[in-house]
Amino acid sequence: MTSDLRPVAGLAMLVAAAGCAPTYAHVETASLASKDGLRCRGHFVWQDRVDHAFVVMHGTGTRSNAFVPPAFESLIAERPVLFATFDRPGVSAPFGDPDEVTRDPEALEAVTQDHVLACADSAAQWIRERFGAEPALHLRGHSEGALIALRLYERLGLNPTRAQQIRSLILSGTPLEPFDTIVKRQLEDVVAQQDGGAVRDAVASCDWPTMQTALGVSCRYLDDAARQPTGFDAFRALAALRAPARIFVFHGTADWNAPVAPVRELERWAAGGPLHLEVRYYEGGHTGPPPEARRALQAVLQRVTEP
């Protein structure tokens, strides 16, 4: 889950700045395996040499991620970095034109977090097959994408060869609460903003056409996500593995979708433990961080890709 269970039209995401698009030496789109026969469209962007590769995972919803966010535009221009992202099964758009999105309702209804995790794993595997084990791998996730990044690191951590490739996790808007708690709060907000319970009724009856428009996720997704470990559980699993990668958590103190209190608890719990965790707070909500937070993120991207 869980970016923002608000109407799909209102889902906030980073949009490439208007104007002349940057020129990249290499842009490749690949069909990546998910699970249950579904596939996702992956996008890979780099210049020449690749010393670092970022797999970037966004939140829920049915918009396309077929673009390079501004923070990575400058990073690709300055460092030997590969940028990789993907759309969930049932969503596709030409790279650089995410507004030209097409959607397959049948595929989208089947999507769960496990399908998104499989897409992320396939993107990491594409990088490994193309460039070998030499590039350092970094996982960047926001909201649901932060949960997927944590689970992907845990999965790869069980394979010592692949685990050694991962150097950092850079997370924001990280949900740590039980999923049912998050969904209940977000549904109450949707109901308050819309027509007095129609969305709640749609969830109760698994009315997929209404859920697709209002939430961008199906009952299958919600039921599956409720059975998954919490974000806090994912950190516990990484601590048990003594995961060596640096973990950077950015979080808004006014984040309503993923409240800050559990993040502060995480920071206290992790102090003195095996995780290399750094938490950066900023004044703001779940999306649209202020300029100082964007600069701090840019500084971390520069830091983890230093020669």
Protein backbone atom coordinates (compact mmCIF):
# COMPACT_ATOMS: atom_id res chain seq x y z
CA MET A 1 0.00 0.00 0.00
CA THR A 2 0.30 2.97 0.89
CA SER A 3 1.00 6.14 -0.56
CA ASP A 4 -2.15 8.02 -0.37
CA LEU A 5 -5.60 6.46 -0.55
CA ARG A 6 -7.04 9.61 -2.08
CA PRO A 7 -8.66 9.88 -5.51
CA VAL A 8 -6.23 8.78 -8.19
CA ALA A 9 -6.48 12.15 -9.90
CA GLY A 10 -5.18 13.73 -6.74
CA LEU A 11 -2.33 11.33 -5.99
CA ALA A 12 0.79 13.42 -5.54
CA MET A 13 4.01 12.34 -7.18
CA LEU A 14 7.13 13.95 -8.47
CA VAL A 15 6.64 15.33 -11.97
CA ALA A 16 9.50 16.24 -14.23
CA ALA A 17 9.94 19.96 -14.51
CA ALA A 18 8.60 21.61 -17.61
CA GLY A 19 11.04 22.76 -20.23
CA CYS A 20 13.71 21.04 -22.26
CA ALA A 21 14.16 17.44 -21.18
CA PRO A 22 17.71 16.29 -20.44
CA THR A 23 19.50 14.14 -22.98
CA TYR A 24 20.64 10.71 -21.86
CA ALA A 25 23.09 8.49 -23.70
CA HIS A 26 21.12 5.36 -22.84
CA VAL A 27 17.40 4.90 -22.21
CA GLU A 28 16.05 1.36 -22.27
CA THR A 29 12.59 0.02 -21.53
CA ALA A 30 12.21 -3.63 -20.59
CA SER A 31 9.35 -5.97 -19.80
CA LEU A 32 10.06 -7.27 -16.30
CA ALA A 33 8.61 -10.40 -14.73
CA SER A 34 6.24 -9.91 -11.82
CA LYS A 35 4.33 -13.00 -10.66
CA ASP A 36 1.24 -14.97 -11.69
CA GLY A 37 2.08 -14.27 -15.33
CA LEU A 38 1.89 -10.49 -14.91
CA ARG A 39 4.65 -8.19 -16.13
CA CYS A 40 5.72 -4.64 -15.42
CA ARG A 41 7.40 -2.07 -17.62
CA GLY A 42 10.84 -1.04 -16.38
CA HIS A 43 12.85 2.00 -17.44
CA PHE A 44 16.65 2.24 -17.21
CA VAL A 45 18.59 5.46 -17.80
CA TRP A 46 22.34 6.10 -17.73
CA GLN A 47 25.10 7.96 -19.49
CA ASP A 48 28.31 5.99 -19.95
CA ARG A 49 30.07 4.18 -17.11
CA VAL A 50 27.85 2.77 -14.34
CA ASP A 51 29.37 2.64 -10.85
CA HIS A 52 26.08 3.09 -8.97
CA ALA A 53 22.56 1.92 -9.77
CA PHE A 54 19.38 3.18 -8.11
CA VAL A 55 16.11 1.23 -8.15
CA VAL A 56 13.43 3.85 -7.45
CA MET A 57 10.03 2.76 -6.11
CA HIS A 58 7.03 5.07 -5.78
CA GLY A 59 3.77 4.91 -3.85
CA THR A 60 0.44 3.36 -4.72
CA GLY A 61 -1.89 4.51 -7.45
CA THR A 62 -2.26 4.02 -11.16
CA ARG A 63 -0.12 6.84 -12.52
CA SER A 64 3.05 6.08 -14.45
CA ASN A 65 6.58 6.47 -13.12
CA ALA A 66 8.11 6.70 -16.61
CA PHE A 67 10.25 9.76 -15.91
CA VAL A 68 13.41 10.84 -14.08
CA PRO A 69 12.73 13.01 -11.00
CA PRO A 70 14.71 16.26 -10.83
CA ALA A 71 17.02 15.02 -8.05
CA PHE A 72 18.20 12.22 -10.30
CA GLU A 73 18.49 14.37 -13.41
CA SER A 74 21.42 16.24 -11.88
CA LEU A 75 22.88 13.08 -10.33
CA ILE A 76 22.96 11.28 -13.69
CA ALA A 77 24.60 14.32 -15.26
CA GLU A 78 27.32 14.51 -12.60
CA ARG A 79 28.02 10.93 -11.54
CA PRO A 80 28.36 7.48 -13.20
CA VAL A 81 24.85 6.53 -12.11
CA LEU A 82 22.08 4.38 -13.55
CA PHE A 83 18.47 5.26 -12.70
CA ALA A 84 15.87 2.48 -12.79
CA THR A 85 12.17 2.58 -12.09
CA PHE A 86 9.07 0.66 -13.14
CA ASP A 87 5.31 0.80 -13.36
CA ARG A 88 3.18 -1.75 -11.57
CA PRO A 89 1.48 -4.41 -13.73
CA GLY A 90 -1.43 -2.94 -15.64
CA VAL A 91 0.14 0.54 -15.97
CA SER A 92 2.36 1.67 -18.84
CA ALA A 93 3.47 4.87 -20.53
CA PRO A 94 6.24 5.94 -22.90
CA PHE A 95 9.36 6.95 -21.04
CA GLY A 96 9.45 10.71 -20.50
CA ASP A 97 5.71 11.07 -21.10
CA PRO A 98 3.99 9.63 -18.02
CA ASP A 99 0.75 11.48 -18.72
CA GLU A 100 0.24 9.24 -21.76
CA VAL A 101 -0.54 6.37 -19.43
CA THR A 102 -2.61 3.35 -20.39
CA ARG A 103 -4.22 1.06 -17.83
CA ASP A 104 -5.39 -2.55 -17.91
CA PRO A 105 -8.14 -2.80 -15.26
CA GLU A 106 -8.01 -6.60 -15.15
CA ALA A 107 -4.27 -6.67 -14.45
CA LEU A 108 -4.53 -3.82 -11.93
CA GLU A 109 -7.23 -5.61 -9.97
CA ALA A 110 -4.87 -8.57 -9.51
CA VAL A 111 -1.91 -6.52 -8.26
CA THR A 112 -0.69 -6.96 -4.68
CA GLN A 113 2.43 -5.78 -2.87
CA ASP A 114 4.04 -9.10 -3.75
CA HIS A 115 3.60 -8.29 -7.45
CA VAL A 116 5.28 -4.90 -6.95
CA LEU A 117 8.09 -6.54 -4.95
CA ALA A 118 8.66 -9.02 -7.78
CA CYS A 119 8.91 -6.12 -10.24
CA ALA A 120 11.52 -4.42 -8.04
CA ASP A 121 13.48 -7.66 -7.76
CA SER A 122 13.37 -8.09 -11.54
CA ALA A 123 14.65 -4.53 -12.03
CA ALA A 124 17.60 -5.27 -9.72
CA GLN A 125 18.23 -8.52 -11.57
CA TRP A 126 18.16 -6.70 -14.94
CA ILE A 127 20.89 -4.40 -13.67
CA ARG A 128 22.97 -7.32 -12.44
CA GLU A 129 22.62 -9.22 -15.71
CA ARG A 130 23.51 -6.16 -17.76
CA PHE A 131 26.33 -4.69 -15.66
CA GLY A 132 27.45 -7.54 -13.41
CA ALA A 133 28.03 -7.35 -9.68
CA GLU A 134 30.34 -4.33 -9.76
CA PRO A 135 27.88 -1.39 -9.56
CA ALA A 136 26.79 -0.50 -6.04
CA LEU A 137 23.02 -0.91 -5.71
CA HIS A 138 20.88 1.70 -3.94
CA LEU A 139 17.16 1.33 -3.15
CA ARG A 140 15.10 4.53 -3.12
CA GLY A 141 11.51 4.21 -1.95
CA HIS A 142 8.67 6.56 -1.04
CA SER A 143 5.54 5.45 0.85
CA GLU A 144 4.58 2.00 -0.45
CA GLY A 145 7.89 2.13 -2.29
CA ALA A 146 9.70 2.39 1.06
CA LEU A 147 8.01 -0.82 2.22
CA ILE A 148 8.95 -2.53 -1.05
CA ALA A 149 12.55 -1.34 -0.69
CA LEU A 150 12.75 -2.77 2.83
CA ARG A 151 11.30 -6.10 1.74
CA LEU A 152 13.56 -6.24 -1.31
CA TYR A 153 16.62 -5.64 0.85
CA GLU A 154 15.50 -8.41 3.21
CA ARG A 155 14.98 -10.76 0.25
CA LEU A 156 18.34 -9.95 -1.32
CA GLY A 157 19.98 -10.11 2.10
CA LEU A 158 19.32 -13.84 2.19
CA ASN A 159 21.68 -14.18 -0.79
CA PRO A 160 25.16 -13.10 0.37
CA THR A 161 26.36 -12.42 -3.17
CA ARG A 162 23.49 -10.07 -3.98
CA ALA A 163 23.39 -8.55 -0.51
CA GLN A 164 26.96 -7.29 -0.83
CA GLN A 165 25.94 -5.19 -3.82
CA ILE A 166 23.44 -3.09 -1.80
CA ARG A 167 25.05 0.03 -0.34
CA SER A 168 22.12 2.19 0.77
CA LEU A 169 18.38 2.51 1.28
CA ILE A 170 16.95 6.02 0.96
CA LEU A 171 13.37 6.09 2.23
CA SER A 172 10.69 8.73 2.72
CA GLY A 173 7.09 8.71 3.92
CA THR A 174 7.77 5.27 5.40
CA PRO A 175 4.63 3.63 6.86
CA LEU A 176 5.45 1.71 10.04
CA GLU A 177 2.01 1.07 11.53
CA PRO A 178 -0.16 -2.03 10.97
CA PHE A 179 -1.76 -1.83 7.57
CA ASP A 180 -5.32 -1.98 8.87
CA THR A 181 -4.66 1.12 10.99
CA ILE A 182 -3.37 3.03 7.98
CA VAL A 183 -6.25 2.02 5.72
CA LYS A 184 -8.91 2.87 8.31
CA ARG A 185 -7.49 6.36 8.79
CA GLN A 186 -7.12 7.02 5.06
CA LEU A 187 -10.58 5.71 4.23
CA GLU A 188 -12.08 8.04 6.83
CA ASP A 189 -10.35 10.92 5.08
CA VAL A 190 -11.57 9.85 1.65
CA VAL A 191 -15.12 9.48 2.96
CA ALA A 192 -14.96 12.94 4.56
CA GLN A 193 -13.83 14.52 1.29
CA GLN A 194 -16.21 12.66 -1.01
CA ASP A 195 -19.80 11.60 -1.10
CA GLY A 196 -20.60 10.36 2.38
CA GLY A 197 -19.46 6.76 2.34
CA ALA A 198 -19.60 5.68 -1.31
CA VAL A 199 -15.92 4.72 -1.24
CA ARG A 200 -16.32 2.86 2.05
CA ASP A 201 -19.26 0.99 0.56
CA ALA A 202 -17.19 0.20 -2.53
CA VAL A 203 -14.45 -1.32 -0.36
CA ALA A 204 -17.01 -3.30 1.64
CA SER A 205 -18.49 -4.76 -1.56
CA CYS A 206 -15.19 -4.92 -3.50
CA ASP A 207 -16.63 -2.68 -6.22
CA TRP A 208 -13.51 -2.60 -8.37
CA PRO A 209 -14.52 0.11 -10.88
CA THR A 210 -15.18 2.55 -8.01
CA MET A 211 -12.07 1.48 -6.11
CA GLN A 212 -9.91 1.87 -9.20
CA THR A 213 -11.05 5.45 -9.67
CA ALA A 214 -11.06 6.49 -6.02
CA LEU A 215 -8.18 4.48 -4.54
CA GLY A 216 -6.16 2.85 -7.30
CA VAL A 217 -6.02 -0.46 -5.39
CA SER A 218 -8.34 -3.46 -5.18
CA CYS A 219 -9.70 -5.63 -2.38
CA ARG A 220 -7.12 -8.23 -3.33
CA TYR A 221 -4.39 -5.66 -2.71
CA LEU A 222 -5.89 -4.56 0.63
CA ASP A 223 -6.36 -8.13 1.88
CA ASP A 224 -2.83 -9.13 0.89
CA ALA A 225 -1.24 -6.01 2.40
CA ALA A 226 -3.02 -6.61 5.72
CA ARG A 227 -1.19 -9.94 5.95
CA GLN A 228 2.25 -8.49 5.24
CA PRO A 229 4.72 -7.56 7.98
CA THR A 230 4.58 -3.94 9.10
CA GLY A 231 7.28 -1.50 8.15
CA PHE A 232 8.61 -1.73 11.70
CA ASP A 233 8.74 -5.52 11.34
CA ALA A 234 10.80 -5.08 8.19
CA PHE A 235 13.38 -3.05 10.12
CA ARG A 236 13.47 -5.75 12.79
CA ALA A 237 14.14 -8.36 10.11
CA LEU A 238 17.01 -6.31 8.71
CA ALA A 239 18.47 -5.90 12.19
CA ALA A 240 18.34 -9.68 12.65
CA LEU A 241 20.28 -10.04 9.39
CA ARG A 242 22.71 -7.35 10.59
CA ALA A 243 22.19 -5.68 7.23
CA PRO A 244 25.26 -3.55 6.47
CA ALA A 245 23.80 -0.96 4.08
CA ARG A 246 23.33 2.62 5.21
CA ILE A 247 19.65 3.45 5.70
CA PHE A 248 18.48 7.06 5.37
CA VAL A 249 14.92 7.88 6.43
CA PHE A 250 13.38 11.25 5.52
CA HIS A 251 10.10 12.02 7.25
CA GLY A 252 7.75 14.97 7.52
CA THR A 253 6.66 15.94 11.01
CA ALA A 254 3.15 16.67 9.67
CA ASP A 255 2.83 13.45 7.64
CA TRP A 256 -0.76 12.32 8.14
CA ASN A 257 -0.57 9.20 5.96
CA ALA A 258 2.50 7.85 7.77
CA PRO A 259 2.59 9.60 11.17
CA VAL A 260 5.92 10.67 12.59
CA ALA A 261 5.52 9.12 16.06
CA PRO A 262 6.35 5.56 14.93
CA VAL A 263 9.41 6.91 13.11
CA ARG A 264 10.66 8.53 16.31
CA GLU A 265 10.06 5.19 18.06
CA LEU A 266 12.04 3.45 15.31
CA GLU A 267 14.92 5.87 15.78
CA ARG A 268 14.99 5.18 19.54
CA TRP A 269 14.76 1.43 19.00
CA ALA A 270 17.58 1.38 16.45
CA ALA A 271 19.99 3.47 18.53
CA GLY A 272 23.04 1.39 19.39
CA GLY A 273 21.81 -1.56 17.33
CA PRO A 274 23.26 -3.18 14.22
CA LEU A 275 21.47 -1.00 11.66
CA HIS A 276 23.26 1.97 10.13
CA LEU A 277 20.21 4.24 10.36
CA GLU A 278 20.03 8.00 9.94
CA VAL A 279 16.69 9.81 10.29
CA ARG A 280 16.12 13.30 8.90
CA TYR A 281 12.95 15.15 9.89
CA TYR A 282 11.50 18.12 8.07
CA GLU A 283 8.44 20.32 8.47
CA GLY A 284 5.97 19.00 5.94
CA GLY A 285 3.62 16.22 4.99
CA HIS A 286 3.63 13.00 3.01
CA THR A 287 4.36 14.60 -0.35
CA GLY A 288 5.80 17.86 -1.62
CA PRO A 289 8.75 18.25 0.80
CA PRO A 290 10.09 21.78 1.33
CA PRO A 291 13.24 22.99 -0.45
CA GLU A 292 15.50 22.24 2.51
CA ALA A 293 14.35 18.61 2.54
CA ARG A 294 14.97 18.33 -1.20
CA ARG A 295 18.46 19.73 -0.71
CA ALA A 296 19.10 17.25 2.10
CA LEU A 297 18.01 14.39 -0.16
CA GLN A 298 20.26 15.66 -2.93
CA ALA A 299 23.16 15.78 -0.47
CA VAL A 300 22.56 12.15 0.50
CA LEU A 301 22.46 11.09 -3.16
CA GLN A 302 25.80 12.83 -3.65
CA ARG A 303 27.19 11.30 -0.48
CA VAL A 304 26.38 7.68 -1.32
CA THR A 305 27.82 8.01 -4.84
CA GLU A 306 31.11 9.62 -3.88
CA PRO A 307 34.11 7.99 -5.61
